[in-house]
Amino acid sequence: MDDTSAADEWVGSVHYNNGISCERCHSASVPAGRLARFDAFGGSYRADHVDLTLNPDIAYKAPSDFPIEGKPGEYSTVVRGGLTKQQSIAVCARCHGLTPIDVNAPKNVFPDYAASVHGQSVMVRGLGDPSKVSDYTGLTDAAVCVDCHDPHATTSKDDPASSTYNDNIIPTCEKCHGSEEIADKYGMTNAFEGWEENIMFRRGMIGEEGIPTCVDCHLEEGGTPHKIVGIDNPASPVNVENRAETCGKKGCHPAFKDKGAFNVPIHLTFPPDKAKYFPEWVTFRFMEILLIGTMGLFIPLFGLDIIRKFEERGKGGEHK
């Protein structure tokens, strides 16, 4: 992305509309009192603006309890596309985190993100069980702020053009959770494999409104998308202990609501994975055989019936 297109995208963004200009992300820590004298909107740049793109050795503080590449505290970098994922989080955390430049920042989402499955995966900490993806740390493929929000063109989630607008949630999540490369790399399930066969997808394709998206199932009630936790976490709405309650919530499948611990299959592929969903696999195969058998019997009989009707019509013509 060149500087011109970045500036064009910034105009009209939620940052632009709230007076957040380039230096807030592209400079070292500047006292809040100086921000008003930095007039990016009018094209006036003061000499006291310190640009990290020109001064890569200048460091600033990241949240102390969020280790950056194993080194808590400060780091140095260039804010021009050269950030590691861990470093990019700290840039956003200056306003949206625990140590913002503006202490009155309206949206302090960092605590939620740090507790989420994405934040926990990005953080560099003690490695747990190497056989569990949920215990991996320092993952370069785990989602950070800029994977869901364009840093220059970020708009409100109520804007149809926003990547976090309800109708755009699925393609936003699919960028990572539908990636075969990421799935193979970490031994994860491709959550979008066979998604086109899902009834929710099909209902959405014909224009039905109010179709559940990823966050409707994976987000605890009253929470924010920044705090999605892993499926093994007891707090997760899709944890096996909570799945029936989640599926049975108002407007969805109320028959499941009082089932208690119920391993409702989710993200089914077609045909279903035999090892993971054996009963569903048997049902799918049975219906497949039944359909093929029925059609295999019906089509020849239908063909013979058509031939017979033509023959009868021909005989009737000769008689006349």
Protein backbone atom coordinates (compact mmCIF):
# COMPACT_ATOMS: atom_id res chain seq x y z
CA MET A 1 0.00 0.00 0.00
CA ASP A 2 1.52 3.35 -1.02
CA ASP A 3 1.30 6.46 1.14
CA THR A 4 -1.32 8.08 -1.11
CA SER A 5 -3.76 5.19 -0.94
CA ALA A 6 -3.23 4.90 2.82
CA ALA A 7 -4.11 8.58 3.23
CA ASP A 8 -7.14 8.23 0.99
CA GLU A 9 -8.40 5.27 3.01
CA TRP A 10 -7.78 7.11 6.27
CA VAL A 11 -10.08 9.96 5.20
CA GLY A 12 -13.55 8.88 6.27
CA SER A 13 -12.28 6.24 8.69
CA VAL A 14 -13.36 6.11 12.32
CA HIS A 15 -9.91 7.45 13.26
CA TYR A 16 -10.22 10.40 10.87
CA ASN A 17 -13.69 11.21 12.18
CA ASN A 18 -12.37 11.22 15.75
CA GLY A 19 -9.34 13.38 15.04
CA ILE A 20 -6.79 10.55 15.17
CA SER A 21 -4.06 11.41 12.69
CA CYS A 22 -0.98 9.66 11.32
CA GLU A 23 1.40 10.47 14.15
CA ARG A 24 -0.68 8.58 16.71
CA CYS A 25 0.50 5.30 15.17
CA HIS A 26 3.58 6.31 13.21
CA SER A 27 5.45 8.23 15.91
CA ALA A 28 7.07 7.53 19.22
CA SER A 29 5.10 8.35 22.37
CA VAL A 30 4.07 11.99 22.25
CA PRO A 31 2.54 13.72 25.29
CA ALA A 32 -1.21 14.11 24.90
CA GLY A 33 -0.88 17.89 25.11
CA ARG A 34 1.17 17.97 21.93
CA LEU A 35 -1.29 16.02 19.84
CA ALA A 36 -3.53 19.05 19.25
CA ARG A 37 -0.58 20.91 17.72
CA PHE A 38 -0.03 18.14 15.19
CA ASP A 39 -2.26 19.17 12.30
CA ALA A 40 -2.31 16.28 9.85
CA PHE A 41 -5.73 17.40 8.65
CA GLY A 42 -4.31 20.75 7.55
CA GLY A 43 -1.08 19.26 6.23
CA SER A 44 1.06 20.94 8.90
CA TYR A 45 3.78 18.79 10.48
CA ARG A 46 5.73 20.15 13.45
CA ALA A 47 9.42 19.50 14.02
CA ASP A 48 8.70 17.91 17.40
CA HIS A 49 6.96 15.00 15.62
CA VAL A 50 9.21 11.97 16.03
CA ASP A 51 8.61 9.48 13.23
CA LEU A 52 9.45 5.85 13.91
CA THR A 53 9.74 5.27 10.19
CA LEU A 54 12.80 7.53 10.32
CA ASN A 55 13.97 6.63 13.80
CA PRO A 56 13.75 2.84 14.19
CA ASP A 57 15.87 2.89 17.34
CA ILE A 58 13.30 4.82 19.37
CA ALA A 59 11.45 2.56 21.77
CA TYR A 60 8.21 2.92 23.63
CA LYS A 61 6.44 0.88 26.25
CA ALA A 62 4.20 -2.02 25.44
CA PRO A 63 1.81 -3.29 28.15
CA SER A 64 4.10 -4.84 30.74
CA ASP A 65 2.09 -8.05 31.08
CA PHE A 66 2.02 -8.72 27.35
CA PRO A 67 5.49 -10.01 26.39
CA ILE A 68 6.70 -8.91 22.99
CA GLU A 69 8.85 -11.65 21.47
CA GLY A 70 9.78 -12.82 24.94
CA LYS A 71 10.95 -9.38 26.07
CA PRO A 72 8.38 -7.63 28.29
CA GLY A 73 8.38 -3.87 28.36
CA GLU A 74 9.79 -1.83 25.51
CA TYR A 75 10.89 -2.52 21.98
CA SER A 76 12.04 -0.61 18.92
CA THR A 77 10.59 -0.88 15.47
CA VAL A 78 9.57 0.83 12.25
CA VAL A 79 5.85 1.39 11.74
CA ARG A 80 5.75 0.95 8.00
CA GLY A 81 4.62 -2.58 7.26
CA GLY A 82 7.66 -4.07 8.97
CA LEU A 83 6.03 -4.88 12.29
CA THR A 84 5.80 -8.36 13.68
CA LYS A 85 2.29 -9.32 14.75
CA GLN A 86 3.22 -8.94 18.41
CA GLN A 87 4.58 -5.46 17.77
CA SER A 88 1.51 -4.33 15.85
CA ILE A 89 -0.64 -5.15 18.88
CA ALA A 90 1.41 -2.81 21.04
CA VAL A 91 0.89 0.01 18.54
CA CYS A 92 -2.89 -0.39 18.79
CA ALA A 93 -2.64 -0.83 22.56
CA ARG A 94 -1.26 2.69 22.91
CA CYS A 95 -4.85 3.92 22.51
CA HIS A 96 -6.95 0.79 22.88
CA GLY A 97 -4.92 -0.87 25.60
CA LEU A 98 -3.59 -0.69 29.11
CA THR A 99 -1.11 2.12 28.50
CA PRO A 100 -2.82 4.50 26.06
CA ILE A 101 -1.43 7.92 25.22
CA ASP A 102 -4.90 9.27 25.85
CA VAL A 103 -6.05 8.02 29.25
CA ASN A 104 -9.62 8.82 28.24
CA ALA A 105 -9.52 6.49 25.22
CA PRO A 106 -13.13 5.40 24.66
CA LYS A 107 -12.50 1.79 23.74
CA ASN A 108 -10.05 -0.05 25.93
CA VAL A 109 -10.35 -3.47 24.30
CA PHE A 110 -6.88 -4.79 25.07
CA PRO A 111 -7.76 -6.63 28.31
CA ASP A 112 -10.43 -8.61 26.45
CA TYR A 113 -8.08 -9.37 23.57
CA ALA A 114 -5.25 -10.43 25.89
CA ALA A 115 -7.58 -12.98 27.50
CA SER A 116 -8.86 -14.30 24.17
CA VAL A 117 -7.68 -17.38 22.30
CA HIS A 118 -6.10 -15.09 19.71
CA GLY A 119 -4.24 -12.95 22.24
CA GLN A 120 -3.08 -15.96 24.24
CA SER A 121 -1.76 -17.58 21.06
CA VAL A 122 0.20 -14.50 20.00
CA MET A 123 1.78 -13.93 23.41
CA VAL A 124 5.15 -15.49 24.00
CA ARG A 125 4.90 -17.45 27.25
CA GLY A 126 5.77 -20.85 28.65
CA LEU A 127 4.90 -23.61 26.18
CA GLY A 128 2.22 -25.96 27.47
CA ASP A 129 1.20 -29.24 25.90
CA PRO A 130 2.86 -29.27 22.44
CA SER A 131 0.11 -31.57 21.16
CA LYS A 132 -2.57 -28.91 21.74
CA VAL A 133 -2.87 -25.95 19.41
CA SER A 134 -4.51 -24.05 22.29
CA ASP A 135 -1.21 -24.28 24.19
CA TYR A 136 0.95 -22.93 21.36
CA THR A 137 2.54 -19.54 21.95
CA GLY A 138 4.03 -16.77 19.84
CA LEU A 139 2.09 -17.89 16.77
CA THR A 140 2.80 -15.69 13.76
CA ASP A 141 -0.51 -16.76 12.21
CA ALA A 142 -2.76 -15.94 15.18
CA ALA A 143 -5.13 -13.04 14.58
CA VAL A 144 -4.11 -9.58 15.73
CA CYS A 145 -5.93 -6.26 15.42
CA VAL A 146 -4.94 -5.55 11.80
CA ASP A 147 -6.11 -8.97 10.61
CA CYS A 148 -9.71 -7.95 11.30
CA HIS A 149 -9.44 -4.15 11.11
CA ASP A 150 -7.72 -2.29 8.28
CA PRO A 151 -5.48 0.18 10.18
CA HIS A 152 -6.14 2.98 7.68
CA ALA A 153 -9.71 2.29 6.54
CA THR A 154 -11.23 1.17 9.84
CA THR A 155 -14.87 2.14 10.03
CA SER A 156 -17.66 1.48 12.51
CA LYS A 157 -19.00 -2.06 12.72
CA ASP A 158 -22.34 -0.54 11.68
CA ASP A 159 -20.86 0.52 8.33
CA PRO A 160 -21.72 -2.02 5.57
CA ALA A 161 -18.20 -1.51 4.20
CA SER A 162 -16.57 -2.53 7.49
CA SER A 163 -14.90 -5.93 7.74
CA THR A 164 -16.65 -6.35 11.09
CA TYR A 165 -20.13 -5.46 9.80
CA ASN A 166 -22.46 -8.38 10.53
CA ASP A 167 -22.77 -9.43 6.86
CA ASN A 168 -18.97 -9.39 6.50
CA ILE A 169 -18.08 -11.36 9.65
CA ILE A 170 -17.96 -14.73 7.90
CA PRO A 171 -15.50 -13.72 5.13
CA THR A 172 -13.38 -11.91 7.73
CA CYS A 173 -13.08 -15.04 9.89
CA GLU A 174 -12.65 -17.22 6.81
CA LYS A 175 -9.37 -15.51 5.92
CA CYS A 176 -7.70 -17.46 8.73
CA HIS A 177 -10.12 -20.20 9.73
CA GLY A 178 -10.75 -21.20 6.12
CA SER A 179 -7.06 -21.36 5.22
CA GLU A 180 -5.86 -24.85 4.30
CA GLU A 181 -2.28 -23.68 4.85
CA ILE A 182 -2.96 -22.62 8.45
CA ALA A 183 -5.08 -25.71 9.13
CA ASP A 184 -2.33 -28.04 7.89
CA LYS A 185 0.43 -26.09 9.63
CA TYR A 186 -1.12 -26.41 13.10
CA GLY A 187 -3.16 -29.58 12.72
CA MET A 188 -6.40 -27.61 13.02
CA THR A 189 -9.77 -28.24 11.42
CA ASN A 190 -10.64 -26.02 8.48
CA ALA A 191 -13.85 -24.58 9.91
CA PHE A 192 -15.07 -23.55 6.46
CA GLU A 193 -14.52 -26.82 4.64
CA GLY A 194 -17.92 -27.82 3.29
CA TRP A 195 -19.42 -24.52 4.47
CA GLU A 196 -21.20 -24.08 1.13
CA GLU A 197 -23.26 -27.15 2.04
CA ASN A 198 -24.29 -25.70 5.39
CA ILE A 199 -27.96 -24.77 5.71
CA MET A 200 -27.03 -21.41 7.25
CA PHE A 201 -24.84 -20.56 4.25
CA ARG A 202 -27.60 -21.53 1.82
CA ARG A 203 -30.21 -19.48 3.67
CA GLY A 204 -27.88 -16.50 3.59
CA MET A 205 -27.24 -16.94 -0.14
CA ILE A 206 -30.94 -16.58 -0.93
CA GLY A 207 -31.01 -13.31 0.98
CA GLU A 208 -32.50 -14.37 4.31
CA GLU A 209 -31.64 -11.87 7.02
CA GLY A 210 -30.61 -12.58 10.60
CA ILE A 211 -28.59 -15.69 9.75
CA PRO A 212 -26.15 -16.54 12.59
CA THR A 213 -22.48 -15.77 11.97
CA CYS A 214 -19.35 -17.04 13.68
CA VAL A 215 -19.64 -14.62 16.61
CA ASP A 216 -23.25 -15.60 17.33
CA CYS A 217 -22.04 -19.01 18.46
CA HIS A 218 -18.46 -18.36 19.60
CA LEU A 219 -19.12 -15.19 21.59
CA GLU A 220 -20.44 -15.31 25.13
CA GLU A 221 -23.59 -13.28 25.68
CA GLY A 222 -22.79 -9.65 26.36
CA GLY A 223 -19.15 -10.10 25.35
CA THR A 224 -17.18 -8.56 22.50
CA PRO A 225 -15.51 -10.32 19.55
CA HIS A 226 -12.18 -9.37 21.12
CA LYS A 227 -12.76 -11.92 23.88
CA ILE A 228 -13.48 -15.14 21.97
CA VAL A 229 -11.96 -18.03 23.90
CA GLY A 230 -10.97 -21.51 22.77
CA ILE A 231 -13.41 -24.38 22.53
CA ASP A 232 -11.71 -26.18 25.44
CA ASN A 233 -12.24 -23.19 27.74
CA PRO A 234 -15.21 -23.80 30.11
CA ALA A 235 -16.31 -20.22 29.43
CA SER A 236 -16.66 -20.84 25.69
CA PRO A 237 -20.27 -20.96 24.44
CA VAL A 238 -19.26 -23.86 22.17
CA ASN A 239 -17.58 -25.85 24.92
CA VAL A 240 -19.27 -29.26 25.08
CA GLU A 241 -20.85 -28.31 28.43
CA ASN A 242 -22.38 -25.13 26.99
CA ARG A 243 -23.11 -26.12 23.41
CA ALA A 244 -26.74 -27.14 23.91
CA GLU A 245 -27.45 -23.88 25.75
CA THR A 246 -25.84 -21.93 22.91
CA CYS A 247 -27.73 -23.78 20.18
CA GLY A 248 -30.95 -23.46 22.16
CA LYS A 249 -30.87 -19.71 22.71
CA LYS A 250 -33.81 -17.59 21.63
CA GLY A 251 -34.36 -17.51 17.92
CA CYS A 252 -32.26 -20.58 17.18
CA HIS A 253 -32.96 -24.17 18.28
CA PRO A 254 -34.91 -24.04 21.58
CA ALA A 255 -35.33 -27.82 21.64
CA PHE A 256 -31.66 -28.13 22.60
CA LYS A 257 -31.76 -25.64 25.47
CA ASP A 258 -32.26 -28.12 28.34
CA LYS A 259 -30.09 -30.94 27.00
CA GLY A 260 -27.20 -30.19 29.37
CA ALA A 261 -23.80 -31.46 28.20
CA PHE A 262 -24.52 -32.39 24.62
CA ASN A 263 -21.93 -32.89 21.92
CA VAL A 264 -23.85 -31.28 19.09
CA PRO A 265 -21.78 -31.64 15.90
CA ILE A 266 -20.59 -28.31 14.54
CA HIS A 267 -18.78 -27.36 11.34
CA LEU A 268 -19.82 -30.61 9.67
CA THR A 269 -18.14 -31.36 6.36
CA PHE A 270 -19.84 -33.34 3.61
CA PRO A 271 -19.51 -36.22 3.88
CA PRO A 272 -18.97 -35.92 7.67
CA ASP A 273 -15.60 -36.96 9.04
CA LYS A 274 -15.97 -40.66 9.84
CA ALA A 275 -13.60 -40.57 12.82
CA LYS A 276 -15.14 -37.49 14.47
CA TYR A 277 -18.82 -37.92 13.62
CA PHE A 278 -19.39 -41.64 13.04
CA PRO A 279 -23.21 -41.64 13.65
CA GLU A 280 -23.61 -38.70 11.28
CA TRP A 281 -21.34 -40.42 8.74
CA VAL A 282 -23.50 -43.59 8.88
CA THR A 283 -26.67 -41.51 8.48
CA PHE A 284 -25.18 -39.58 5.56
CA ARG A 285 -24.11 -42.79 3.80
CA PHE A 286 -27.49 -44.44 4.42
CA MET A 287 -29.33 -41.47 2.92
CA GLU A 288 -26.87 -41.42 0.03
CA ILE A 289 -27.53 -45.12 -0.73
CA LEU A 290 -31.28 -44.61 -0.30
CA LEU A 291 -31.28 -41.67 -2.71
CA ILE A 292 -29.15 -43.41 -5.33
CA GLY A 293 -31.19 -46.61 -5.00
CA THR A 294 -34.49 -44.76 -5.31
CA MET A 295 -33.35 -42.74 -8.30
CA GLY A 296 -31.75 -45.81 -9.85
CA LEU A 297 -35.10 -47.60 -9.71
CA PHE A 298 -37.30 -44.61 -10.56
CA ILE A 299 -35.44 -43.33 -13.63
CA PRO A 300 -35.59 -46.62 -15.64
CA LEU A 301 -39.27 -47.09 -14.73
CA PHE A 302 -40.02 -43.51 -15.71
CA GLY A 303 -38.19 -44.04 -19.00
CA LEU A 304 -40.09 -47.25 -19.75
CA ASP A 305 -43.37 -45.48 -18.98
CA ILE A 306 -42.58 -42.70 -21.45
CA ILE A 307 -41.68 -45.26 -24.15
CA ARG A 308 -44.95 -47.10 -23.52
CA LYS A 309 -46.96 -43.88 -23.85
CA PHE A 310 -45.30 -43.04 -27.16
CA GLU A 311 -45.99 -46.55 -28.43
CA GLU A 312 -49.65 -46.30 -27.41
CA ARG A 313 -49.94 -42.91 -29.09
CA GLY A 314 -48.42 -44.36 -32.25
CA LYS A 315 -50.84 -47.26 -32.32
CA GLY A 316 -53.74 -44.88 -31.77
CA GLY A 317 -52.65 -42.85 -34.81
CA GLU A 318 -52.56 -45.93 -37.05
CA HIS A 319 -56.05 -46.95 -35.91
CA LYS A 320 -57.48 -43.61 -36.95
